[in-house]
Protein backbone atom coordinates (compact mmCIF):
# COMPACT_ATOMS: atom_id res chain seq x y z
CA MET A 1 0.00 0.00 0.00
CA ASP A 2 1.33 3.40 -0.91
CA THR A 3 1.90 5.91 1.86
CA ASP A 4 2.21 9.69 1.72
CA ARG A 5 3.93 12.05 4.08
CA ASP A 6 0.67 14.05 4.55
CA LEU A 7 -2.50 12.75 6.14
CA PRO A 8 -5.53 12.22 3.90
CA THR A 9 -8.51 14.49 4.24
CA CYS A 10 -10.52 11.81 6.05
CA LEU A 11 -9.75 8.98 8.47
CA CYS A 12 -12.37 6.23 8.36
CA LEU A 13 -12.61 4.04 11.44
CA TYR A 14 -13.97 0.52 11.09
CA GLY A 15 -14.40 -1.79 14.06
CA SER A 16 -16.68 -3.02 16.80
CA GLY A 17 -18.74 -0.66 18.87
CA HIS A 18 -16.35 -1.09 21.80
CA GLU A 19 -13.30 -0.31 19.62
CA LEU A 20 -14.97 2.73 18.13
CA LEU A 21 -15.91 4.06 21.57
CA ASN A 22 -12.26 3.82 22.62
CA CYS A 23 -11.22 5.81 19.56
CA PHE A 24 -13.89 8.42 20.22
CA GLU A 25 -12.53 8.90 23.74
CA GLN A 26 -9.09 9.58 22.28
CA ALA A 27 -10.70 12.06 19.92
CA ARG A 28 -12.26 13.87 22.88
CA GLN A 29 -8.88 14.16 24.53
CA ALA A 30 -7.54 15.58 21.29
CA GLY A 31 -10.06 18.44 21.38
CA ILE A 32 -13.04 17.04 19.43
CA SER A 33 -16.14 18.19 21.29
CA GLY A 34 -18.79 18.72 18.63
CA PRO A 35 -19.63 19.12 14.95
CA GLY A 36 -17.13 21.22 13.02
CA ASP A 37 -14.09 20.31 15.14
CA ALA A 38 -11.19 18.95 13.11
CA PHE A 39 -9.03 16.05 14.28
CA ALA A 40 -5.35 16.74 13.48
CA GLY A 41 -6.47 18.72 10.44
CA VAL A 42 -8.69 15.94 9.03
CA PHE A 43 -12.27 14.75 9.44
CA LEU A 44 -13.34 11.49 11.00
CA ALA A 45 -15.85 8.90 9.80
CA ALA A 46 -16.82 5.62 11.40
CA ALA A 47 -18.70 2.41 10.64
CA PRO A 48 -19.33 -0.63 12.89
CA THR A 49 -18.47 -4.22 12.00
CA THR A 50 -21.67 -5.46 13.68
CA ALA A 51 -24.91 -3.82 14.71
CA ASP A 52 -25.22 -4.32 18.48
CA SER A 53 -25.83 -2.28 21.63
CA GLN A 54 -22.25 -1.04 21.71
CA ALA A 55 -22.57 0.09 18.10
CA ALA A 56 -25.72 2.02 19.03
CA LEU A 57 -23.82 3.79 21.81
CA ALA A 58 -20.99 4.52 19.38
CA ALA A 59 -23.48 5.99 16.87
CA ARG A 60 -24.90 8.37 19.48
CA GLU A 61 -21.38 9.33 20.59
CA ALA A 62 -20.34 9.98 16.98
CA ARG A 63 -23.26 12.35 16.39
CA GLU A 64 -22.40 14.31 19.57
CA LEU A 65 -18.79 14.70 18.43
CA GLY A 66 -19.64 15.54 14.84
CA ILE A 67 -18.06 12.33 13.48
CA ALA A 68 -19.70 11.06 10.26
CA TRP A 69 -21.53 7.81 11.11
CA HIS A 70 -22.26 5.05 8.59
CA HIS A 71 -24.30 1.90 9.14
CA ASP A 72 -21.71 -0.38 7.57
CA LEU A 73 -18.45 -0.42 5.63
CA ASP A 74 -20.03 -0.47 2.19
CA ASP A 75 -22.06 2.62 2.96
CA MET A 76 -18.90 4.45 4.15
CA LEU A 77 -16.81 3.43 1.12
CA SER A 78 -19.50 4.34 -1.37
CA THR A 79 -20.61 7.71 -0.02
CA ARG A 80 -17.34 9.30 1.11
CA GLU A 81 -14.45 10.72 -0.81
CA PRO A 82 -11.35 8.49 -0.89
CA GLY A 83 -9.48 8.44 2.44
CA LEU A 84 -7.52 6.18 4.75
CA LEU A 85 -9.36 3.16 6.12
CA LEU A 86 -8.34 2.11 9.61
CA PRO A 87 -9.70 -1.35 10.48
CA LEU A 88 -9.53 -1.76 14.25
CA GLY A 89 -10.53 -5.41 14.62
CA PRO A 90 -8.65 -8.63 13.85
CA ASP A 91 -7.00 -9.21 10.49
CA GLY A 92 -10.00 -11.14 9.17
CA SER A 93 -12.09 -7.99 9.15
CA LEU A 94 -9.85 -6.38 6.53
CA PRO A 95 -11.90 -5.83 3.34
CA ASP A 96 -10.75 -7.72 0.18
CA ASP A 97 -11.31 -4.94 -2.37
CA LEU A 98 -11.24 -1.16 -1.94
CA PRO A 99 -12.56 1.49 -4.30
CA ARG A 100 -10.05 3.44 -6.32
CA ASP A 101 -7.77 5.87 -4.45
CA TRP A 102 -8.68 4.40 -1.07
CA ARG A 103 -5.89 3.21 1.18
CA CYS A 104 -5.97 0.80 4.08
CA LEU A 105 -3.64 -0.13 6.92
CA PRO A 106 -3.45 -3.54 8.55
CA PRO A 107 -5.33 -3.60 11.86
CA PRO A 108 -2.21 -3.53 14.15
CA ASP A 109 -0.74 -0.66 12.16
CA ALA A 110 -4.12 1.08 12.02
CA ARG A 111 -4.51 1.01 15.79
CA LEU A 112 -0.95 2.26 16.32
CA PHE A 113 -1.37 4.94 13.66
CA PHE A 114 -4.58 6.29 15.19
CA THR A 115 -3.02 6.30 18.68
CA LEU A 116 0.00 8.27 17.46
CA VAL A 117 -2.16 10.75 15.55
CA SER A 118 -4.44 11.13 18.60
CA ARG A 119 -1.54 11.86 20.91
CA ALA A 120 -0.07 14.36 18.50
CA ALA A 121 -3.45 16.05 18.20
CA THR A 122 -3.87 15.99 21.99
CA GLN A 123 -0.52 17.68 22.44
CA THR A 124 -1.44 20.34 19.89
CA ALA A 125 -4.85 20.89 21.48
CA CYS A 126 -3.38 21.07 25.01
CA ARG A 127 -0.53 23.38 24.14
CA PRO A 128 -2.60 26.60 24.45
CA ASP A 129 -4.13 25.38 27.73
CA LEU A 130 -0.70 24.45 29.03
CA ALA A 131 0.73 27.84 28.08
CA ARG A 132 -2.24 29.57 29.68
CA ALA A 133 -1.86 27.54 32.88
CA ARG A 134 1.86 28.26 32.94
CA ARG A 135 1.26 32.00 32.58
CA LEU A 136 -1.40 31.89 35.30
CA LEU A 137 0.89 30.02 37.69
CA ALA A 138 3.78 32.38 36.99
CA ASN A 139 1.57 35.43 37.58
CA VAL A 140 0.24 34.02 40.85
CA LEU A 141 3.71 33.16 42.16
CA ASP A 142 5.25 36.45 41.04
CA ARG A 143 2.52 38.52 42.68
CA MET A 144 2.88 36.83 46.06
CA ASP A 145 4.69 38.71 48.81
CA ASP A 146 6.35 35.48 49.91
CA GLU A 147 9.69 34.40 48.51
CA ILE A 148 9.38 31.08 46.66
CA ALA A 149 12.19 28.95 45.27
CA LEU A 150 12.57 25.53 43.66
CA LEU A 151 15.61 23.72 45.03
CA ALA A 152 17.54 20.57 44.27
CA PRO A 153 17.70 17.99 47.08
CA ASP A 154 21.11 19.35 48.12
CA GLY A 155 19.70 22.88 48.53
CA THR A 156 20.92 24.34 45.23
CA LEU A 157 18.49 26.90 43.80
CA LEU A 158 16.93 26.00 40.45
CA ASP A 159 14.25 28.67 40.01
CA ALA A 160 12.76 31.59 41.96
CA ASN A 161 9.77 33.89 41.87
CA ALA A 162 9.93 37.63 41.21
CA ARG A 163 9.79 38.57 44.92
CA LEU A 164 12.97 36.65 45.70
CA ALA A 165 14.77 38.02 42.65
CA GLU A 166 13.69 41.54 43.63
CA ARG A 167 15.10 41.23 47.15
CA LEU A 168 18.42 39.99 45.84
CA ASP A 169 18.38 42.57 43.01
CA ARG A 170 19.43 39.94 40.49
CA PRO A 171 17.79 38.36 37.43
CA ARG A 172 16.37 34.91 37.98
CA GLU A 173 18.88 33.45 35.52
CA ASP A 174 21.75 34.56 37.75
CA LEU A 175 20.21 32.87 40.79
CA ALA A 176 20.11 29.37 39.29
CA GLY A 177 22.87 27.17 40.63
CA ARG A 178 23.50 29.22 43.78
CA PRO A 179 23.43 27.47 47.17
CA GLY A 180 20.37 28.10 49.34
CA THR A 181 22.63 29.40 52.11
CA VAL A 182 23.67 32.25 49.80
CA VAL A 183 20.19 33.09 48.53
CA PHE A 184 18.47 33.00 51.93
CA PRO A 185 20.21 34.71 54.89
CA ASP A 186 18.52 32.34 57.35
CA PHE A 187 18.66 29.11 55.32
CA PRO A 188 18.58 26.23 57.84
CA ASP A 189 20.73 23.13 57.89
CA LEU A 190 18.66 20.53 56.03
CA ALA A 191 20.21 17.66 57.97
CA ALA A 192 19.96 19.21 61.47
CA PRO A 193 17.00 18.42 63.77
CA GLY A 194 14.70 21.21 64.94
CA GLU A 195 15.15 23.12 68.20
CA ASN A 196 12.25 21.28 69.85
CA GLY A 197 13.35 17.83 68.72
CA GLU A 198 11.58 17.81 65.36
CA PRO A 199 13.09 15.58 62.67
CA SER A 200 15.46 17.18 60.21
CA ILE A 201 14.06 18.89 57.15
CA ARG A 202 15.55 16.23 54.90
CA ALA A 203 13.96 13.42 56.94
CA ALA A 204 10.54 15.10 56.97
CA LEU A 205 10.60 15.68 53.21
CA ALA A 206 11.73 12.11 52.55
CA ALA A 207 8.66 10.96 54.50
CA GLY A 208 6.43 13.13 52.32
CA ARG A 209 5.76 15.80 54.97
CA LYS A 210 6.45 19.51 54.98
CA ALA A 211 8.99 21.02 57.36
CA THR A 212 8.94 24.49 58.94
CA ARG A 213 11.66 26.56 60.58
CA ASP A 214 11.33 30.03 62.17
CA SER A 215 14.11 32.59 62.38
CA SER A 216 14.73 36.28 63.01
CA ARG A 217 17.17 38.91 61.85
CA VAL A 218 17.83 42.62 62.29
CA ASP A 219 17.09 44.77 59.25
CA ARG A 220 19.00 47.83 58.10
CA ARG A 221 16.95 50.12 60.34
CA GLY A 222 17.76 48.12 63.45
CA ARG A 223 14.33 46.50 63.65
CA LEU A 224 13.93 42.81 64.34
CA ARG A 225 11.87 40.89 61.81
CA TYR A 226 10.59 37.31 62.07
CA PHE A 227 10.52 34.85 59.19
CA ARG A 228 9.07 31.40 58.66
CA MET A 229 10.55 29.11 56.04
CA THR A 230 8.47 26.12 54.91
CA PHE A 231 9.81 23.31 52.76
CA TYR A 232 7.53 21.10 50.65
CA PRO A 233 8.54 17.80 49.01
CA VAL A 234 8.31 17.54 45.20
CA PRO A 235 8.48 13.82 44.35
CA GLY A 236 9.64 12.45 41.02
CA PRO A 237 7.93 9.81 38.84
CA ASP A 238 9.22 7.03 41.10
CA GLY A 239 7.77 8.71 44.20
CA ARG A 240 11.15 9.62 45.65
CA LEU A 241 12.19 13.14 46.58
CA ASP A 242 13.15 14.95 43.37
CA HIS A 243 13.00 18.66 44.28
CA LEU A 244 12.23 20.95 47.22
CA ALA A 245 9.81 23.85 47.13
CA ALA A 246 10.80 26.51 49.67
CA LEU A 247 8.48 29.33 50.80
CA ARG A 248 9.87 32.11 53.01
CA ARG A 249 7.29 34.37 54.67
CA ASP A 250 7.62 37.48 56.81
CA ILE A 251 5.60 36.69 59.97
CA THR A 252 6.52 39.84 61.90
CA GLN A 253 2.93 41.06 61.98
CA ASP A 254 1.67 37.61 63.08
CA VAL A 255 4.12 37.64 65.99
CA PHE A 256 3.01 41.14 66.95
CA LEU A 257 -0.69 40.18 66.93
CA GLU A 258 -0.03 37.05 68.95
CA ARG A 259 1.86 38.99 71.60
CA ARG A 260 -0.82 41.67 71.72
CA LEU A 261 -3.48 38.98 72.28
CA GLN A 262 -1.47 37.42 75.11
CA LYS A 263 -1.05 40.83 76.72
CA SER A 264 -4.79 41.55 76.47
CA GLU A 265 -5.64 38.26 78.17
CA ARG A 266 -3.13 38.94 80.94
CA LEU A 267 -4.45 42.46 81.53
CA ALA A 268 -8.01 41.16 81.72
CA ALA A 269 -7.06 38.76 84.52
CA ILE A 270 -5.17 41.49 86.37
CA GLY A 271 -8.15 43.83 86.04
CA GLU A 272 -10.42 41.28 87.66
CA LEU A 273 -8.00 41.02 90.58
CA SER A 274 -7.93 44.80 90.98
CA MET A 275 -11.74 45.02 91.01
CA PHE A 276 -11.97 42.26 93.63
CA ILE A 277 -9.54 44.05 95.96
CA SER A 278 -11.25 47.40 95.49
CA HIS A 279 -14.77 46.22 96.21
CA GLU A 280 -14.45 43.18 98.46
CA ILE A 281 -11.60 44.23 100.76
CA ARG A 282 -11.24 48.01 100.80
CA ASN A 283 -14.94 48.71 101.45
CA PRO A 284 -15.06 46.72 104.73
CA LEU A 285 -11.70 48.23 105.64
CA PHE A 286 -13.12 51.74 105.28
CA ALA A 287 -15.92 50.80 107.67
CA ILE A 288 -13.46 49.44 110.25
CA ALA A 289 -11.32 52.60 110.06
CA GLY A 290 -14.41 54.81 110.27
CA PHE A 291 -15.74 53.14 113.42
CA ALA A 292 -12.27 53.20 115.04
CA ASN A 293 -11.99 56.91 114.31
CA ALA A 294 -15.47 57.49 115.79
CA LEU A 295 -14.48 55.65 118.94
CA LEU A 296 -11.39 57.83 119.35
CA ARG A 297 -13.57 60.94 119.21
CA ALA A 298 -15.85 59.65 121.96
CA LYS A 299 -15.23 61.54 125.26
CA ASP A 300 -16.29 58.72 127.55
CA LEU A 301 -13.83 56.18 126.09
CA GLY A 302 -11.39 54.82 128.61
CA LEU A 303 -7.62 55.04 128.23
CA ALA A 304 -7.16 51.30 127.57
CA SER A 305 -9.99 51.24 125.03
CA ARG A 306 -8.67 54.40 123.36
CA GLU A 307 -5.27 52.75 122.95
CA LYS A 308 -6.88 49.69 121.35
CA ALA A 309 -8.98 51.84 118.98
CA SER A 310 -5.85 53.76 118.02
CA ILE A 311 -4.10 50.49 117.13
CA ILE A 312 -7.10 49.43 115.01
CA LEU A 313 -7.06 52.75 113.13
CA SER A 314 -3.29 52.66 112.62
CA GLU A 315 -3.30 49.11 111.33
CA SER A 316 -6.27 49.89 109.08
CA LYS A 317 -4.35 52.76 107.50
CA ARG A 318 -1.31 50.55 107.03
CA LEU A 319 -3.40 47.85 105.41
CA ASP A 320 -5.06 50.44 103.16
CA ALA A 321 -1.63 51.62 101.99
CA ILE A 322 -0.68 48.05 101.15
CA LEU A 323 -3.90 47.56 99.19
CA LYS A 324 -3.26 50.77 97.25
CA ASP A 325 0.14 49.46 96.25
CA ILE A 326 -1.39 46.16 95.14
CA ILE A 327 -4.04 47.96 93.09
CA ASN A 328 -1.41 50.14 91.47
CA PHE A 329 0.61 47.03 90.79
CA ALA A 330 -2.39 45.38 89.10
CA ARG A 331 -3.09 48.38 86.86
CA PRO A 332 -1.37 48.63 83.48
CA THR A 333 1.54 51.03 83.30
CA SER A 334 0.60 54.51 82.20
CA SER A 335 3.60 54.88 79.91
CA VAL A 336 3.07 54.80 76.17
CA PRO A 337 5.35 52.21 74.54
CA GLY A 338 7.50 53.46 71.73
CA GLU A 339 10.87 52.96 70.14
CA VAL A 340 13.73 52.62 72.65
CA ASN A 341 17.46 52.40 72.09
CA VAL A 342 18.56 50.28 75.05
CA ASN A 343 22.20 51.18 74.45
CA ASP A 344 21.39 54.86 74.95
CA VAL A 345 19.36 54.09 78.09
CA ALA A 346 22.21 52.03 79.53
CA ALA A 347 24.85 54.68 78.77
CA ARG A 348 22.75 57.55 80.13
CA THR A 349 21.68 55.75 83.31
CA THR A 350 25.14 54.48 84.22
CA ALA A 351 26.50 58.00 83.68
CA LEU A 352 24.09 59.23 86.36
CA MET A 353 25.23 56.50 88.75
CA ARG A 354 28.95 56.72 88.04
CA HIS A 355 29.76 59.08 90.94
CA GLY A 356 27.99 56.89 93.50
CA LEU A 357 29.65 53.78 92.06
CA GLU A 358 33.11 55.30 92.31
CA ALA A 359 32.47 56.49 95.87
CA GLN A 360 31.62 52.90 96.79
CA HIS A 361 34.70 51.55 94.97
CA ILE A 362 32.64 49.70 92.37
CA THR A 363 34.08 49.26 88.87
CA LEU A 364 31.53 49.64 86.08
CA THR A 365 31.92 47.87 82.73
CA LEU A 366 29.68 48.50 79.72
CA ALA A 367 29.30 45.69 77.17
CA LEU A 368 26.84 47.26 74.71
CA SER A 369 26.36 45.36 71.46
CA PRO A 370 26.27 47.66 68.39
CA ASP A 371 23.95 45.16 66.65
CA THR A 372 21.22 45.48 69.26
CA PRO A 373 17.91 46.29 67.52
CA MET A 374 15.49 48.95 68.70
CA ALA A 375 13.22 47.75 71.50
CA ARG A 376 9.57 48.44 72.21
CA GLY A 377 9.13 50.24 75.52
CA ASP A 378 9.26 53.55 77.38
CA PRO A 379 12.68 55.14 78.00
CA GLU A 380 11.70 56.60 81.39
CA THR A 381 10.25 53.41 82.88
CA LEU A 382 13.16 51.40 81.49
CA THR A 383 15.54 53.85 83.14
CA GLN A 384 13.75 53.36 86.47
CA CYS A 385 14.02 49.59 86.11
CA LEU A 386 17.73 49.83 85.35
CA LEU A 387 18.30 52.20 88.32
CA ASN A 388 16.53 49.74 90.60
CA CYS A 389 18.77 46.89 89.40
CA LEU A 390 21.92 49.00 89.82
CA LYS A 391 20.92 50.04 93.35
CA ASN A 392 20.26 46.42 94.30
CA SER A 393 23.74 45.47 93.10
CA MET A 394 25.32 48.39 94.99
CA GLU A 395 23.55 47.39 98.20
CA ALA A 396 24.81 43.83 97.75
CA MET A 397 28.45 45.09 97.59
CA PRO A 398 28.96 47.68 100.36
CA GLY A 399 32.71 47.06 100.27
CA GLY A 400 33.07 47.49 96.52
CA GLY A 401 33.15 45.14 93.56
CA ARG A 402 32.38 44.98 89.86
CA ILE A 403 29.16 45.62 87.89
CA THR A 404 28.76 44.80 84.19
CA VAL A 405 25.90 46.27 82.13
CA ALA A 406 25.36 44.48 78.81
CA THR A 407 22.91 44.66 75.91
CA GLY A 408 22.18 42.50 72.89
CA LEU A 409 19.71 40.16 71.24
CA ARG A 410 18.86 36.74 72.65
CA GLN A 411 16.23 34.31 71.36
CA GLY A 412 14.49 37.03 69.39
CA ARG A 413 14.27 39.50 72.31
CA VAL A 414 16.31 42.58 73.18
CA PHE A 415 18.02 42.28 76.56
CA LEU A 416 19.61 44.64 79.08
CA SER A 417 21.46 42.88 81.90
CA VAL A 418 23.12 43.96 85.15
CA ALA A 419 25.66 41.52 86.60
CA ASP A 420 27.61 41.94 89.86
CA ASP A 421 30.22 39.86 91.67
CA GLY A 422 28.66 40.20 95.12
CA PRO A 423 27.70 37.34 97.44
CA GLY A 424 24.66 36.46 95.33
CA ILE A 425 21.23 35.44 96.55
CA ALA A 426 20.66 32.45 98.77
CA PRO A 427 18.95 29.58 96.94
CA ASP A 428 16.16 29.37 99.51
CA ILE A 429 15.02 32.97 98.91
CA LEU A 430 15.76 33.14 95.18
CA PRO A 431 12.20 32.09 94.19
CA GLN A 432 10.73 34.88 96.35
CA VAL A 433 12.64 37.91 95.08
CA PHE A 434 9.93 38.79 92.53
CA ASN A 435 7.14 38.61 95.07
CA PRO A 436 5.60 42.00 95.94
CA PHE A 437 6.93 43.49 99.23
CA PHE A 438 9.57 40.82 99.71
CA THR A 439 12.82 42.18 101.14
CA THR A 440 15.81 41.07 103.22
CA ARG A 441 16.29 44.58 104.62
CA ASP A 442 14.72 45.76 107.86
CA LYS A 443 12.44 48.47 106.50
CA ARG A 444 9.09 48.83 104.78
CA ALA A 445 9.19 46.84 101.57
CA GLY A 446 8.57 48.47 98.23
CA LEU A 447 7.71 46.59 95.10
CA GLY A 448 11.34 46.46 93.93
CA LEU A 449 11.96 43.68 91.45
CA ALA A 450 8.27 42.79 91.48
CA MET A 451 7.38 46.19 89.99
CA THR A 452 10.28 45.93 87.54
CA LYS A 453 8.98 42.55 86.43
CA LYS A 454 5.45 43.91 86.12
CA ILE A 455 6.54 46.91 84.05
CA LEU A 456 8.48 44.69 81.67
CA GLU A 457 5.61 42.22 81.31
CA ASP A 458 3.17 45.04 80.59
CA LEU A 459 5.45 45.95 77.69
CA GLY A 460 5.51 42.35 76.45
CA GLY A 461 8.92 41.63 78.00
CA ALA A 462 10.23 39.63 80.95
CA VAL A 463 12.80 39.63 83.76
CA ASP A 464 15.24 36.83 84.45
CA LEU A 465 17.46 36.40 87.53
CA GLU A 466 20.51 34.17 87.78
CA SER A 467 22.53 33.81 90.97
CA PRO A 468 24.89 30.85 91.29
CA PRO A 469 25.80 30.50 95.00
CA GLY A 470 28.79 32.68 95.80
CA HIS A 471 29.15 34.02 92.25
CA GLY A 472 27.11 37.20 92.27
CA ALA A 473 23.77 37.87 90.60
CA THR A 474 22.66 38.77 87.06
CA VAL A 475 19.32 40.44 86.38
CA THR A 476 18.33 40.44 82.69
CA LEU A 477 15.55 42.67 81.39
CA PHE A 478 13.99 41.37 78.19
CA LEU A 479 12.03 43.65 75.86
CA PRO A 480 10.21 42.85 72.64
CA PRO A 481 11.90 44.27 69.54
CA TYR A 482 10.29 47.23 67.86
CA LEU A 483 8.61 45.56 64.87
CA GLU A 484 8.47 47.26 61.49
CA LEU A 485 4.72 47.86 61.22
CA SER A 486 2.52 50.62 59.93
CA PRO A 487 1.33 53.21 62.50
CA GLU A 488 -2.23 51.91 62.55
CA GLU A 489 -1.01 48.36 63.26
CA ASP A 490 1.43 49.38 65.97
């Protein structure tokens, strides 16, 4: 049989109803959906070998797809222009004689030929959809604020979205082949386990699970920003890890909102405590003091009774003063948090104390880190907290010693520490030093470290105390970093 390089104008399918239905499904995948649609540039015709239920289904399917349907082979050969006959059944179904200019392939070749033509037509029909999907995916990824990269299993960058290329100020082509540790400033060790005992990133991805790591860094303006990097496995055809998809997201605002929520919950509990003290304790106390005062004004009160009433009034006033301090302690600080340079606060405060330190023969050392980010707080209240810590250290070393004031960044928080080489704090009283009114000195107790702790916690910070026996004490004030947020979010 002669063959041409070009396809004929018509492909005529001839087989059972089941075989024809299979071919029609391939035609659908190639883009044939109704009358007028061309299949690889040609038209399709079909005829069944036998008239059965499957042939009836094939006839209905052919009409829906716009494929010319004939009742039998003779009808197709006699009414259509010459084309290529594709018998789909066994070799015995091959017709003996064909009209002039008709060509025919053996059934095995016919089935293979139609499959190849269908796949070529499918690829042609899908190419616009594939290009459209590719453009859509690229636009979605490039418009995201997150940095997205495709990595090799060893962490080498293969492709990146526009956001990542913009941050690095390099074309995407220049990024390909660079190690992930160069592209991302906080790229984690893929083989190292997580801080809380999580499996390594490589192990999680090999098991088909995503892996997440959080980090922080100081930006050019001295603000601390938080980032979350998530790795997703991209398996190959064999199901094994073939690539990594990395997504790096700025979660600074999420951290800020979480801390603000925690602070709101804490303040609500403290407010309930303040209301309970005000209404349930102070009101009866006022009545006690009032009656004691009335008794003292009575002229017929005996000397012994007057002395007892005076004690009741005195103790009532003392108790009222304590309750006022507790209520003030429960209330939020009145300072407005803002941007604080802890290095400036430390330098200014120690300058005020330098004369008293020298008079007491105490050597002061400043260890201020230049990379300390801006903190969120109030300069005046922070100064009072630092003064309180310095005075405590001075009182612990009446014969002189050494005090070190340091600043820096630790575990995502700004810190300001005061360390002395005095006798330290006894282990049995160490847990009590932050309790309100606790003191080892023989005088009325103030709030001391308890108020310092409360002020720092109101600002979203914390206070830590370390005192190894016989090796001095270190008080560390932690403050949240000043996050880079818009004014209405701050």
